[in-house]
Amino acid sequence: EGDTAVMICKSFGYSPIAWTWYMTNGSEQI
C-alpha cells in the first residue's frame, strides 16, 4: 500500500495497431 506498481505487456512477432488496458470489477472489465 502506498507504493507504485508497473505492469508490462508484450506482443511477439506482430505490432498491434493499439493497446487497451482493463481492470476487473467483479465480472465486468473496465
mmCIF file of all heavy atoms, coordinates in Angstrom:
data_MODEL
# 
_entry.id   MODEL 
# 
loop_
_atom_site.group_PDB 
_atom_site.id 
_atom_site.type_symbol 
_atom_site.label_atom_id 
_atom_site.label_alt_id 
_atom_site.label_comp_id 
_atom_site.label_asym_id 
_atom_site.label_entity_id 
_atom_site.label_seq_id 
_atom_site.pdbx_PDB_ins_code 
_atom_site.Cartn_x 
_atom_site.Cartn_y 
_atom_site.Cartn_z 
_atom_site.occupancy 
_atom_site.B_iso_or_equiv 
_atom_site.pdbx_formal_charge 
_atom_site.auth_seq_id 
_atom_site.auth_comp_id 
_atom_site.auth_asym_id 
_atom_site.auth_atom_id 
_atom_site.pdbx_PDB_model_num 
ATOM 1   N N   . GLU A 1 1  ? 0.832   -1.199  0.000   1.00 0.00 ? 1  GLU A N   1 
ATOM 2   C CA  . GLU A 1 1  ? 0.000   0.000   0.000   1.00 0.00 ? 1  GLU A CA  1 
ATOM 3   C C   . GLU A 1 1  ? 0.868   1.250   0.000   1.00 0.00 ? 1  GLU A C   1 
ATOM 4   O O   . GLU A 1 1  ? 1.852   1.337   0.742   1.00 0.00 ? 1  GLU A O   1 
ATOM 5   C CB  . GLU A 1 1  ? -0.916  -0.005  1.224   1.00 0.00 ? 1  GLU A CB  1 
ATOM 6   C CG  . GLU A 1 1  ? -2.006  -1.069  1.173   1.00 0.00 ? 1  GLU A CG  1 
ATOM 7   C CD  . GLU A 1 1  ? -2.875  -1.081  2.406   1.00 0.00 ? 1  GLU A CD  1 
ATOM 8   O OE1 . GLU A 1 1  ? -2.349  -0.840  3.511   1.00 0.00 ? 1  GLU A OE1 1 
ATOM 9   O OE2 . GLU A 1 1  ? -4.083  -1.309  2.278   1.00 0.00 ? 1  GLU A OE2 1 
ATOM 10  N N   . GLY A 1 2  ? 0.484   2.203   -0.863  1.00 0.00 ? 2  GLY A N   1 
ATOM 11  C CA  . GLY A 1 2  ? 1.225   3.456   -0.948  1.00 0.00 ? 2  GLY A CA  1 
ATOM 12  C C   . GLY A 1 2  ? 2.334   3.434   -1.979  1.00 0.00 ? 2  GLY A C   1 
ATOM 13  O O   . GLY A 1 2  ? 2.834   4.492   -2.383  1.00 0.00 ? 2  GLY A O   1 
ATOM 14  N N   . ASP A 1 3  ? 2.742   2.231   -2.429  1.00 0.00 ? 3  ASP A N   1 
ATOM 15  C CA  . ASP A 1 3  ? 3.799   2.124   -3.429  1.00 0.00 ? 3  ASP A CA  1 
ATOM 16  C C   . ASP A 1 3  ? 3.245   2.295   -4.841  1.00 0.00 ? 3  ASP A C   1 
ATOM 17  O O   . ASP A 1 3  ? 2.048   2.532   -5.033  1.00 0.00 ? 3  ASP A O   1 
ATOM 18  C CB  . ASP A 1 3  ? 4.498   0.764   -3.320  1.00 0.00 ? 3  ASP A CB  1 
ATOM 19  C CG  . ASP A 1 3  ? 5.398   0.668   -2.099  1.00 0.00 ? 3  ASP A CG  1 
ATOM 20  O OD1 . ASP A 1 3  ? 5.645   1.719   -1.472  1.00 0.00 ? 3  ASP A OD1 1 
ATOM 21  O OD2 . ASP A 1 3  ? 5.847   -0.441  -1.773  1.00 0.00 ? 3  ASP A OD2 1 
ATOM 22  N N   . THR A 1 4  ? 4.126   2.140   -5.839  1.00 0.00 ? 4  THR A N   1 
ATOM 23  C CA  . THR A 1 4  ? 3.745   2.196   -7.259  1.00 0.00 ? 4  THR A CA  1 
ATOM 24  C C   . THR A 1 4  ? 4.012   0.836   -7.895  1.00 0.00 ? 4  THR A C   1 
ATOM 25  O O   . THR A 1 4  ? 5.052   0.229   -7.656  1.00 0.00 ? 4  THR A O   1 
ATOM 26  C CB  . THR A 1 4  ? 4.558   3.273   -7.993  1.00 0.00 ? 4  THR A CB  1 
ATOM 27  O OG1 . THR A 1 4  ? 4.235   4.558   -7.443  1.00 0.00 ? 4  THR A OG1 1 
ATOM 28  C CG2 . THR A 1 4  ? 4.227   3.276   -9.482  1.00 0.00 ? 4  THR A CG2 1 
ATOM 29  N N   . ALA A 1 5  ? 3.079   0.357   -8.698  1.00 0.00 ? 5  ALA A N   1 
ATOM 30  C CA  . ALA A 1 5  ? 3.247   -0.921  -9.409  1.00 0.00 ? 5  ALA A CA  1 
ATOM 31  C C   . ALA A 1 5  ? 3.288   -0.659  -10.910 1.00 0.00 ? 5  ALA A C   1 
ATOM 32  O O   . ALA A 1 5  ? 2.554   0.195   -11.423 1.00 0.00 ? 5  ALA A O   1 
ATOM 33  C CB  . ALA A 1 5  ? 2.102   -1.869  -9.076  1.00 0.00 ? 5  ALA A CB  1 
ATOM 34  N N   . VAL A 1 6  ? 4.157   -1.383  -11.609 1.00 0.00 ? 6  VAL A N   1 
ATOM 35  C CA  . VAL A 1 6  ? 4.261   -1.253  -13.065 1.00 0.00 ? 6  VAL A CA  1 
ATOM 36  C C   . VAL A 1 6  ? 4.006   -2.624  -13.681 1.00 0.00 ? 6  VAL A C   1 
ATOM 37  O O   . VAL A 1 6  ? 4.687   -3.600  -13.362 1.00 0.00 ? 6  VAL A O   1 
ATOM 38  C CB  . VAL A 1 6  ? 5.651   -0.737  -13.496 1.00 0.00 ? 6  VAL A CB  1 
ATOM 39  C CG1 . VAL A 1 6  ? 5.732   -0.676  -15.020 1.00 0.00 ? 6  VAL A CG1 1 
ATOM 40  C CG2 . VAL A 1 6  ? 5.923   0.639   -12.893 1.00 0.00 ? 6  VAL A CG2 1 
ATOM 41  N N   . MET A 1 7  ? 3.005   -2.702  -14.560 1.00 0.00 ? 7  MET A N   1 
ATOM 42  C CA  . MET A 1 7  ? 2.680   -3.946  -15.259 1.00 0.00 ? 7  MET A CA  1 
ATOM 43  C C   . MET A 1 7  ? 3.061   -3.806  -16.728 1.00 0.00 ? 7  MET A C   1 
ATOM 44  O O   . MET A 1 7  ? 2.864   -2.734  -17.321 1.00 0.00 ? 7  MET A O   1 
ATOM 45  C CB  . MET A 1 7  ? 1.202   -4.274  -15.094 1.00 0.00 ? 7  MET A CB  1 
ATOM 46  C CG  . MET A 1 7  ? 0.864   -4.746  -13.679 1.00 0.00 ? 7  MET A CG  1 
ATOM 47  S SD  . MET A 1 7  ? -0.869  -5.192  -13.459 1.00 0.00 ? 7  MET A SD  1 
ATOM 48  C CE  . MET A 1 7  ? -1.546  -3.567  -13.168 1.00 0.00 ? 7  MET A CE  1 
ATOM 49  N N   . ILE A 1 8  ? 3.594   -4.881  -17.301 1.00 0.00 ? 8  ILE A N   1 
ATOM 50  C CA  . ILE A 1 8  ? 4.139   -4.838  -18.652 1.00 0.00 ? 8  ILE A CA  1 
ATOM 51  C C   . ILE A 1 8  ? 3.481   -5.907  -19.523 1.00 0.00 ? 8  ILE A C   1 
ATOM 52  O O   . ILE A 1 8  ? 3.304   -7.046  -19.103 1.00 0.00 ? 8  ILE A O   1 
ATOM 53  C CB  . ILE A 1 8  ? 5.667   -5.079  -18.629 1.00 0.00 ? 8  ILE A CB  1 
ATOM 54  C CG1 . ILE A 1 8  ? 6.351   -4.047  -17.730 1.00 0.00 ? 8  ILE A CG1 1 
ATOM 55  C CG2 . ILE A 1 8  ? 6.247   -5.031  -20.043 1.00 0.00 ? 8  ILE A CG2 1 
ATOM 56  C CD1 . ILE A 1 8  ? 7.819   -4.347  -17.483 1.00 0.00 ? 8  ILE A CD1 1 
ATOM 57  N N   . CYS A 1 9  ? 3.118   -5.532  -20.752 1.00 0.00 ? 9  CYS A N   1 
ATOM 58  C CA  . CYS A 1 9  ? 2.610   -6.478  -21.741 1.00 0.00 ? 9  CYS A CA  1 
ATOM 59  C C   . CYS A 1 9  ? 3.415   -6.347  -23.025 1.00 0.00 ? 9  CYS A C   1 
ATOM 60  O O   . CYS A 1 9  ? 3.767   -5.239  -23.429 1.00 0.00 ? 9  CYS A O   1 
ATOM 61  C CB  . CYS A 1 9  ? 1.133   -6.229  -22.039 1.00 0.00 ? 9  CYS A CB  1 
ATOM 62  S SG  . CYS A 1 9  ? 0.021   -7.228  -21.026 1.00 0.00 ? 9  CYS A SG  1 
ATOM 63  N N   . LYS A 1 10 ? 3.680   -7.510  -23.656 1.00 0.00 ? 10 LYS A N   1 
ATOM 64  C CA  . LYS A 1 10 ? 4.454   -7.529  -24.895 1.00 0.00 ? 10 LYS A CA  1 
ATOM 65  C C   . LYS A 1 10 ? 3.721   -8.344  -25.945 1.00 0.00 ? 10 LYS A C   1 
ATOM 66  O O   . LYS A 1 10 ? 3.082   -9.345  -25.638 1.00 0.00 ? 10 LYS A O   1 
ATOM 67  C CB  . LYS A 1 10 ? 5.836   -8.146  -24.647 1.00 0.00 ? 10 LYS A CB  1 
ATOM 68  C CG  . LYS A 1 10 ? 6.691   -7.396  -23.644 1.00 0.00 ? 10 LYS A CG  1 
ATOM 69  C CD  . LYS A 1 10 ? 8.016   -8.119  -23.430 1.00 0.00 ? 10 LYS A CD  1 
ATOM 70  C CE  . LYS A 1 10 ? 8.866   -7.404  -22.384 1.00 0.00 ? 10 LYS A CE  1 
ATOM 71  N NZ  . LYS A 1 10 ? 10.155  -8.119  -22.155 1.00 0.00 ? 10 LYS A NZ  1 
ATOM 72  N N   . SER A 1 11 ? 3.859   -7.915  -27.189 1.00 0.00 ? 11 SER A N   1 
ATOM 73  C CA  . SER A 1 11 ? 3.340   -8.669  -28.325 1.00 0.00 ? 11 SER A CA  1 
ATOM 74  C C   . SER A 1 11 ? 4.525   -9.227  -29.098 1.00 0.00 ? 11 SER A C   1 
ATOM 75  O O   . SER A 1 11 ? 5.500   -8.516  -29.359 1.00 0.00 ? 11 SER A O   1 
ATOM 76  C CB  . SER A 1 11 ? 2.512   -7.762  -29.233 1.00 0.00 ? 11 SER A CB  1 
ATOM 77  O OG  . SER A 1 11 ? 2.221   -8.414  -30.441 1.00 0.00 ? 11 SER A OG  1 
ATOM 78  N N   . PHE A 1 12 ? 4.449   -10.511 -29.459 1.00 0.00 ? 12 PHE A N   1 
ATOM 79  C CA  . PHE A 1 12 ? 5.554   -11.159 -30.151 1.00 0.00 ? 12 PHE A CA  1 
ATOM 80  C C   . PHE A 1 12 ? 5.218   -11.368 -31.624 1.00 0.00 ? 12 PHE A C   1 
ATOM 81  O O   . PHE A 1 12 ? 4.162   -11.879 -31.964 1.00 0.00 ? 12 PHE A O   1 
ATOM 82  C CB  . PHE A 1 12 ? 5.867   -12.507 -29.506 1.00 0.00 ? 12 PHE A CB  1 
ATOM 83  C CG  . PHE A 1 12 ? 6.432   -12.374 -28.125 1.00 0.00 ? 12 PHE A CG  1 
ATOM 84  C CD1 . PHE A 1 12 ? 5.583   -12.343 -27.023 1.00 0.00 ? 12 PHE A CD1 1 
ATOM 85  C CD2 . PHE A 1 12 ? 7.789   -12.255 -27.925 1.00 0.00 ? 12 PHE A CD2 1 
ATOM 86  C CE1 . PHE A 1 12 ? 6.092   -12.211 -25.747 1.00 0.00 ? 12 PHE A CE1 1 
ATOM 87  C CE2 . PHE A 1 12 ? 8.310   -12.126 -26.654 1.00 0.00 ? 12 PHE A CE2 1 
ATOM 88  C CZ  . PHE A 1 12 ? 7.470   -12.094 -25.557 1.00 0.00 ? 12 PHE A CZ  1 
ATOM 89  N N   . GLY A 1 13 ? 6.141   -10.976 -32.471 1.00 0.00 ? 13 GLY A N   1 
ATOM 90  C CA  . GLY A 1 13 ? 6.007   -11.268 -33.895 1.00 0.00 ? 13 GLY A CA  1 
ATOM 91  C C   . GLY A 1 13 ? 5.293   -10.192 -34.691 1.00 0.00 ? 13 GLY A C   1 
ATOM 92  O O   . GLY A 1 13 ? 5.674   -9.889  -35.813 1.00 0.00 ? 13 GLY A O   1 
ATOM 93  N N   . TYR A 1 14 ? 4.246   -9.567  -34.124 1.00 0.00 ? 14 TYR A N   1 
ATOM 94  C CA  . TYR A 1 14 ? 3.448   -8.613  -34.873 1.00 0.00 ? 14 TYR A CA  1 
ATOM 95  C C   . TYR A 1 14 ? 3.199   -7.369  -34.024 1.00 0.00 ? 14 TYR A C   1 
ATOM 96  O O   . TYR A 1 14 ? 3.036   -7.456  -32.813 1.00 0.00 ? 14 TYR A O   1 
ATOM 97  C CB  . TYR A 1 14 ? 2.109   -9.231  -35.293 1.00 0.00 ? 14 TYR A CB  1 
ATOM 98  C CG  . TYR A 1 14 ? 2.273   -10.572 -35.951 1.00 0.00 ? 14 TYR A CG  1 
ATOM 99  C CD1 . TYR A 1 14 ? 2.099   -11.741 -35.222 1.00 0.00 ? 14 TYR A CD1 1 
ATOM 100 C CD2 . TYR A 1 14 ? 2.633   -10.662 -37.288 1.00 0.00 ? 14 TYR A CD2 1 
ATOM 101 C CE1 . TYR A 1 14 ? 2.271   -12.983 -35.820 1.00 0.00 ? 14 TYR A CE1 1 
ATOM 102 C CE2 . TYR A 1 14 ? 2.809   -11.906 -37.891 1.00 0.00 ? 14 TYR A CE2 1 
ATOM 103 C CZ  . TYR A 1 14 ? 2.623   -13.062 -37.149 1.00 0.00 ? 14 TYR A CZ  1 
ATOM 104 O OH  . TYR A 1 14 ? 2.799   -14.275 -37.732 1.00 0.00 ? 14 TYR A OH  1 
ATOM 105 N N   . SER A 1 15 ? 3.138   -6.209  -34.673 1.00 0.00 ? 15 SER A N   1 
ATOM 106 C CA  . SER A 1 15 ? 2.935   -4.943  -33.957 1.00 0.00 ? 15 SER A CA  1 
ATOM 107 C C   . SER A 1 15 ? 1.453   -4.586  -33.938 1.00 0.00 ? 15 SER A C   1 
ATOM 108 O O   . SER A 1 15 ? 0.823   -4.493  -35.004 1.00 0.00 ? 15 SER A O   1 
ATOM 109 C CB  . SER A 1 15 ? 3.728   -3.818  -34.627 1.00 0.00 ? 15 SER A CB  1 
ATOM 110 O OG  . SER A 1 15 ? 5.112   -4.106  -34.588 1.00 0.00 ? 15 SER A OG  1 
ATOM 111 N N   . PRO A 1 16 ? 0.873   -4.376  -32.748 1.00 0.00 ? 16 PRO A N   1 
ATOM 112 C CA  . PRO A 1 16 ? -0.544  -4.002  -32.660 1.00 0.00 ? 16 PRO A CA  1 
ATOM 113 C C   . PRO A 1 16 ? -0.791  -2.605  -33.204 1.00 0.00 ? 16 PRO A C   1 
ATOM 114 O O   . PRO A 1 16 ? 0.102   -1.754  -33.217 1.00 0.00 ? 16 PRO A O   1 
ATOM 115 C CB  . PRO A 1 16 ? -0.826  -4.057  -31.149 1.00 0.00 ? 16 PRO A CB  1 
ATOM 116 C CG  . PRO A 1 16 ? 0.318   -4.804  -30.550 1.00 0.00 ? 16 PRO A CG  1 
ATOM 117 C CD  . PRO A 1 16 ? 1.492   -4.540  -31.423 1.00 0.00 ? 16 PRO A CD  1 
ATOM 118 N N   . ILE A 1 17 ? -2.027  -2.370  -33.619 1.00 0.00 ? 17 ILE A N   1 
ATOM 119 C CA  . ILE A 1 17 ? -2.446  -1.026  -34.021 1.00 0.00 ? 17 ILE A CA  1 
ATOM 120 C C   . ILE A 1 17 ? -2.626  -0.174  -32.776 1.00 0.00 ? 17 ILE A C   1 
ATOM 121 O O   . ILE A 1 17 ? -2.298  1.019   -32.762 1.00 0.00 ? 17 ILE A O   1 
ATOM 122 C CB  . ILE A 1 17 ? -3.779  -1.093  -34.799 1.00 0.00 ? 17 ILE A CB  1 
ATOM 123 C CG1 . ILE A 1 17 ? -3.617  -1.950  -36.048 1.00 0.00 ? 17 ILE A CG1 1 
ATOM 124 C CG2 . ILE A 1 17 ? -4.273  0.298   -35.154 1.00 0.00 ? 17 ILE A CG2 1 
ATOM 125 C CD1 . ILE A 1 17 ? -4.922  -2.268  -36.744 1.00 0.00 ? 17 ILE A CD1 1 
ATOM 126 N N   . ALA A 1 18 ? -3.152  -0.787  -31.715 1.00 0.00 ? 18 ALA A N   1 
ATOM 127 C CA  . ALA A 1 18 ? -3.404  -0.052  -30.466 1.00 0.00 ? 18 ALA A CA  1 
ATOM 128 C C   . ALA A 1 18 ? -3.434  -1.017  -29.298 1.00 0.00 ? 18 ALA A C   1 
ATOM 129 O O   . ALA A 1 18 ? -3.675  -2.216  -29.459 1.00 0.00 ? 18 ALA A O   1 
ATOM 130 C CB  . ALA A 1 18 ? -4.736  0.696   -30.562 1.00 0.00 ? 18 ALA A CB  1 
ATOM 131 N N   . TRP A 1 19 ? -3.166  -0.465  -28.100 1.00 0.00 ? 19 TRP A N   1 
ATOM 132 C CA  . TRP A 1 19 ? -3.237  -1.223  -26.845 1.00 0.00 ? 19 TRP A CA  1 
ATOM 133 C C   . TRP A 1 19 ? -4.357  -0.657  -25.984 1.00 0.00 ? 19 TRP A C   1 
ATOM 134 O O   . TRP A 1 19 ? -4.601  0.552   -25.968 1.00 0.00 ? 19 TRP A O   1 
ATOM 135 C CB  . TRP A 1 19 ? -1.934  -1.106  -26.069 1.00 0.00 ? 19 TRP A CB  1 
ATOM 136 C CG  . TRP A 1 19 ? -0.762  -1.852  -26.615 1.00 0.00 ? 19 TRP A CG  1 
ATOM 137 C CD1 . TRP A 1 19 ? 0.215   -1.360  -27.431 1.00 0.00 ? 19 TRP A CD1 1 
ATOM 138 C CD2 . TRP A 1 19 ? -0.423  -3.224  -26.377 1.00 0.00 ? 19 TRP A CD2 1 
ATOM 139 N NE1 . TRP A 1 19 ? 1.141   -2.334  -27.716 1.00 0.00 ? 19 TRP A NE1 1 
ATOM 140 C CE2 . TRP A 1 19 ? 0.777   -3.486  -27.084 1.00 0.00 ? 19 TRP A CE2 1 
ATOM 141 C CE3 . TRP A 1 19 ? -1.012  -4.245  -25.633 1.00 0.00 ? 19 TRP A CE3 1 
ATOM 142 C CZ2 . TRP A 1 19 ? 1.396   -4.729  -27.058 1.00 0.00 ? 19 TRP A CZ2 1 
ATOM 143 C CZ3 . TRP A 1 19 ? -0.393  -5.488  -25.616 1.00 0.00 ? 19 TRP A CZ3 1 
ATOM 144 C CH2 . TRP A 1 19 ? 0.793   -5.717  -26.321 1.00 0.00 ? 19 TRP A CH2 1 
ATOM 145 N N   . THR A 1 20 ? -5.021  -1.528  -25.228 1.00 0.00 ? 20 THR A N   1 
ATOM 146 C CA  . THR A 1 20 ? -6.022  -1.095  -24.251 1.00 0.00 ? 20 THR A CA  1 
ATOM 147 C C   . THR A 1 20 ? -5.817  -1.884  -22.954 1.00 0.00 ? 20 THR A C   1 
ATOM 148 O O   . THR A 1 20 ? -5.605  -3.099  -22.999 1.00 0.00 ? 20 THR A O   1 
ATOM 149 C CB  . THR A 1 20 ? -7.463  -1.329  -24.755 1.00 0.00 ? 20 THR A CB  1 
ATOM 150 O OG1 . THR A 1 20 ? -7.613  -0.723  -26.038 1.00 0.00 ? 20 THR A OG1 1 
ATOM 151 C CG2 . THR A 1 20 ? -8.478  -0.719  -23.786 1.00 0.00 ? 20 THR A CG2 1 
ATOM 152 N N   . TRP A 1 21 ? -5.873  -1.174  -21.831 1.00 0.00 ? 21 TRP A N   1 
ATOM 153 C CA  . TRP A 1 21 ? -5.765  -1.829  -20.521 1.00 0.00 ? 21 TRP A CA  1 
ATOM 154 C C   . TRP A 1 21 ? -7.141  -1.885  -19.863 1.00 0.00 ? 21 TRP A C   1 
ATOM 155 O O   . TRP A 1 21 ? -7.949  -0.960  -19.998 1.00 0.00 ? 21 TRP A O   1 
ATOM 156 C CB  . TRP A 1 21 ? -4.808  -1.057  -19.614 1.00 0.00 ? 21 TRP A CB  1 
ATOM 157 C CG  . TRP A 1 21 ? -3.357  -1.283  -19.926 1.00 0.00 ? 21 TRP A CG  1 
ATOM 158 C CD1 . TRP A 1 21 ? -2.575  -0.563  -20.777 1.00 0.00 ? 21 TRP A CD1 1 
ATOM 159 C CD2 . TRP A 1 21 ? -2.517  -2.316  -19.375 1.00 0.00 ? 21 TRP A CD2 1 
ATOM 160 N NE1 . TRP A 1 21 ? -1.308  -1.077  -20.797 1.00 0.00 ? 21 TRP A NE1 1 
ATOM 161 C CE2 . TRP A 1 21 ? -1.233  -2.145  -19.959 1.00 0.00 ? 21 TRP A CE2 1 
ATOM 162 C CE3 . TRP A 1 21 ? -2.723  -3.350  -18.467 1.00 0.00 ? 21 TRP A CE3 1 
ATOM 163 C CZ2 . TRP A 1 21 ? -0.164  -2.983  -19.636 1.00 0.00 ? 21 TRP A CZ2 1 
ATOM 164 C CZ3 . TRP A 1 21 ? -1.662  -4.178  -18.149 1.00 0.00 ? 21 TRP A CZ3 1 
ATOM 165 C CH2 . TRP A 1 21 ? -0.391  -3.994  -18.729 1.00 0.00 ? 21 TRP A CH2 1 
ATOM 166 N N   . TYR A 1 22 ? -7.384  -2.984  -19.135 1.00 0.00 ? 22 TYR A N   1 
ATOM 167 C CA  . TYR A 1 22 ? -8.649  -3.153  -18.415 1.00 0.00 ? 22 TYR A CA  1 
ATOM 168 C C   . TYR A 1 22 ? -8.371  -3.582  -16.974 1.00 0.00 ? 22 TYR A C   1 
ATOM 169 O O   . TYR A 1 22 ? -7.399  -4.268  -16.699 1.00 0.00 ? 22 TYR A O   1 
ATOM 170 C CB  . TYR A 1 22 ? -9.520  -4.246  -19.064 1.00 0.00 ? 22 TYR A CB  1 
ATOM 171 C CG  . TYR A 1 22 ? -9.965  -3.948  -20.472 1.00 0.00 ? 22 TYR A CG  1 
ATOM 172 C CD1 . TYR A 1 22 ? -9.191  -4.330  -21.560 1.00 0.00 ? 22 TYR A CD1 1 
ATOM 173 C CD2 . TYR A 1 22 ? -11.167 -3.294  -20.726 1.00 0.00 ? 22 TYR A CD2 1 
ATOM 174 C CE1 . TYR A 1 22 ? -9.594  -4.071  -22.862 1.00 0.00 ? 22 TYR A CE1 1 
ATOM 175 C CE2 . TYR A 1 22 ? -11.585 -3.029  -22.022 1.00 0.00 ? 22 TYR A CE2 1 
ATOM 176 C CZ  . TYR A 1 22 ? -10.792 -3.415  -23.086 1.00 0.00 ? 22 TYR A CZ  1 
ATOM 177 O OH  . TYR A 1 22 ? -11.202 -3.156  -24.367 1.00 0.00 ? 22 TYR A OH  1 
ATOM 178 N N   . MET A 1 23 ? -9.248  -3.166  -16.086 1.00 0.00 ? 23 MET A N   1 
ATOM 179 C CA  . MET A 1 23 ? -9.236  -3.661  -14.708 1.00 0.00 ? 23 MET A CA  1 
ATOM 180 C C   . MET A 1 23 ? -10.514 -4.467  -14.503 1.00 0.00 ? 23 MET A C   1 
ATOM 181 O O   . MET A 1 23 ? -11.553 -4.169  -15.105 1.00 0.00 ? 23 MET A O   1 
ATOM 182 C CB  . MET A 1 23 ? -9.156  -2.509  -13.702 1.00 0.00 ? 23 MET A CB  1 
ATOM 183 C CG  . MET A 1 23 ? -10.289 -1.512  -13.786 1.00 0.00 ? 23 MET A CG  1 
ATOM 184 S SD  . MET A 1 23 ? -10.043 -0.057  -12.734 1.00 0.00 ? 23 MET A SD  1 
ATOM 185 C CE  . MET A 1 23 ? -10.107 -0.820  -11.125 1.00 0.00 ? 23 MET A CE  1 
ATOM 186 N N   . THR A 1 24 ? -10.449 -5.501  -13.685 1.00 0.00 ? 24 THR A N   1 
ATOM 187 C CA  . THR A 1 24 ? -11.603 -6.355  -13.443 1.00 0.00 ? 24 THR A CA  1 
ATOM 188 C C   . THR A 1 24 ? -12.352 -5.896  -12.206 1.00 0.00 ? 24 THR A C   1 
ATOM 189 O O   . THR A 1 24 ? -11.778 -5.748  -11.134 1.00 0.00 ? 24 THR A O   1 
ATOM 190 C CB  . THR A 1 24 ? -11.167 -7.821  -13.259 1.00 0.00 ? 24 THR A CB  1 
ATOM 191 O OG1 . THR A 1 24 ? -10.440 -8.238  -14.421 1.00 0.00 ? 24 THR A OG1 1 
ATOM 192 C CG2 . THR A 1 24 ? -12.365 -8.734  -13.090 1.00 0.00 ? 24 THR A CG2 1 
ATOM 193 N N   . ASN A 1 25 ? -13.639 -5.659  -12.393 1.00 0.00 ? 25 ASN A N   1 
ATOM 194 C CA  . ASN A 1 25 ? -14.508 -5.278  -11.280 1.00 0.00 ? 25 ASN A CA  1 
ATOM 195 C C   . ASN A 1 25 ? -15.641 -6.294  -11.225 1.00 0.00 ? 25 ASN A C   1 
ATOM 196 O O   . ASN A 1 25 ? -16.635 -6.158  -11.919 1.00 0.00 ? 25 ASN A O   1 
ATOM 197 C CB  . ASN A 1 25 ? -15.042 -3.857  -11.473 1.00 0.00 ? 25 ASN A CB  1 
ATOM 198 C CG  . ASN A 1 25 ? -15.870 -3.393  -10.281 1.00 0.00 ? 25 ASN A CG  1 
ATOM 199 O OD1 . ASN A 1 25 ? -15.982 -4.084  -9.271  1.00 0.00 ? 25 ASN A OD1 1 
ATOM 200 N ND2 . ASN A 1 25 ? -16.457 -2.207  -10.390 1.00 0.00 ? 25 ASN A ND2 1 
ATOM 201 N N   . GLY A 1 26 ? -15.441 -7.346  -10.397 1.00 0.00 ? 26 GLY A N   1 
ATOM 202 C CA  . GLY A 1 26 ? -16.404 -8.447  -10.389 1.00 0.00 ? 26 GLY A CA  1 
ATOM 203 C C   . GLY A 1 26 ? -16.294 -9.206  -11.703 1.00 0.00 ? 26 GLY A C   1 
ATOM 204 O O   . GLY A 1 26 ? -15.226 -9.662  -12.084 1.00 0.00 ? 26 GLY A O   1 
ATOM 205 N N   . SER A 1 27 ? -17.387 -9.300  -12.441 1.00 0.00 ? 27 SER A N   1 
ATOM 206 C CA  . SER A 1 27 ? -17.376 -9.967  -13.737 1.00 0.00 ? 27 SER A CA  1 
ATOM 207 C C   . SER A 1 27 ? -17.214 -8.973  -14.883 1.00 0.00 ? 27 SER A C   1 
ATOM 208 O O   . SER A 1 27 ? -17.162 -9.356  -16.045 1.00 0.00 ? 27 SER A O   1 
ATOM 209 C CB  . SER A 1 27 ? -18.676 -10.759 -13.926 1.00 0.00 ? 27 SER A CB  1 
ATOM 210 O OG  . SER A 1 27 ? -19.791 -9.885  -13.845 1.00 0.00 ? 27 SER A OG  1 
ATOM 211 N N   . GLU A 1 28 ? -17.101 -7.697  -14.549 1.00 0.00 ? 28 GLU A N   1 
ATOM 212 C CA  . GLU A 1 28 ? -17.021 -6.643  -15.562 1.00 0.00 ? 28 GLU A CA  1 
ATOM 213 C C   . GLU A 1 28 ? -15.585 -6.173  -15.750 1.00 0.00 ? 28 GLU A C   1 
ATOM 214 O O   . GLU A 1 28 ? -14.806 -6.088  -14.806 1.00 0.00 ? 28 GLU A O   1 
ATOM 215 C CB  . GLU A 1 28 ? -17.899 -5.457  -15.127 1.00 0.00 ? 28 GLU A CB  1 
ATOM 216 C CG  . GLU A 1 28 ? -17.982 -4.339  -16.143 1.00 0.00 ? 28 GLU A CG  1 
ATOM 217 C CD  . GLU A 1 28 ? -18.835 -3.175  -15.661 1.00 0.00 ? 28 GLU A CD  1 
ATOM 218 O OE1 . GLU A 1 28 ? -19.305 -3.228  -14.502 1.00 0.00 ? 28 GLU A OE1 1 
ATOM 219 O OE2 . GLU A 1 28 ? -19.013 -2.222  -16.434 1.00 0.00 ? 28 GLU A OE2 1 
ATOM 220 N N   . GLN A 1 29 ? -15.236 -5.868  -17.000 1.00 0.00 ? 29 GLN A N   1 
ATOM 221 C CA  . GLN A 1 29 ? -13.925 -5.305  -17.308 1.00 0.00 ? 29 GLN A CA  1 
ATOM 222 C C   . GLN A 1 29 ? -14.081 -3.829  -17.648 1.00 0.00 ? 29 GLN A C   1 
ATOM 223 O O   . GLN A 1 29 ? -14.853 -3.468  -18.539 1.00 0.00 ? 29 GLN A O   1 
ATOM 224 C CB  . GLN A 1 29 ? -13.282 -6.048  -18.479 1.00 0.00 ? 29 GLN A CB  1 
ATOM 225 C CG  . GLN A 1 29 ? -12.856 -7.462  -18.135 1.00 0.00 ? 29 GLN A CG  1 
ATOM 226 C CD  . GLN A 1 29 ? -12.155 -8.150  -19.291 1.00 0.00 ? 29 GLN A CD  1 
ATOM 227 O OE1 . GLN A 1 29 ? -12.033 -7.601  -20.361 1.00 0.00 ? 29 GLN A OE1 1 
ATOM 228 N NE2 . GLN A 1 29 ? -11.701 -9.365  -19.067 1.00 0.00 ? 29 GLN A NE2 1 
ATOM 229 N N   . ILE A 1 30 ? -13.356 -2.993  -16.911 1.00 0.00 ? 30 ILE A N   1 
ATOM 230 C CA  . ILE A 1 30 ? -13.446 -1.542  -17.099 1.00 0.00 ? 30 ILE A CA  1 
ATOM 231 C C   . ILE A 1 30 ? -12.179 -1.052  -17.779 1.00 0.00 ? 30 ILE A C   1 
ATOM 232 O O   . ILE A 1 30 ? -11.068 -1.307  -17.319 1.00 0.00 ? 30 ILE A O   1 
ATOM 233 C CB  . ILE A 1 30 ? -13.634 -0.832  -15.744 1.00 0.00 ? 30 ILE A CB  1 
ATOM 234 C CG1 . ILE A 1 30 ? -14.903 -1.347  -15.054 1.00 0.00 ? 30 ILE A CG1 1 
ATOM 235 C CG2 . ILE A 1 30 ? -13.697 0.677   -15.935 1.00 0.00 ? 30 ILE A CG2 1 
ATOM 236 C CD1 . ILE A 1 30 ? -15.074 -0.843  -13.637 1.00 0.00 ? 30 ILE A CD1 1 
# 
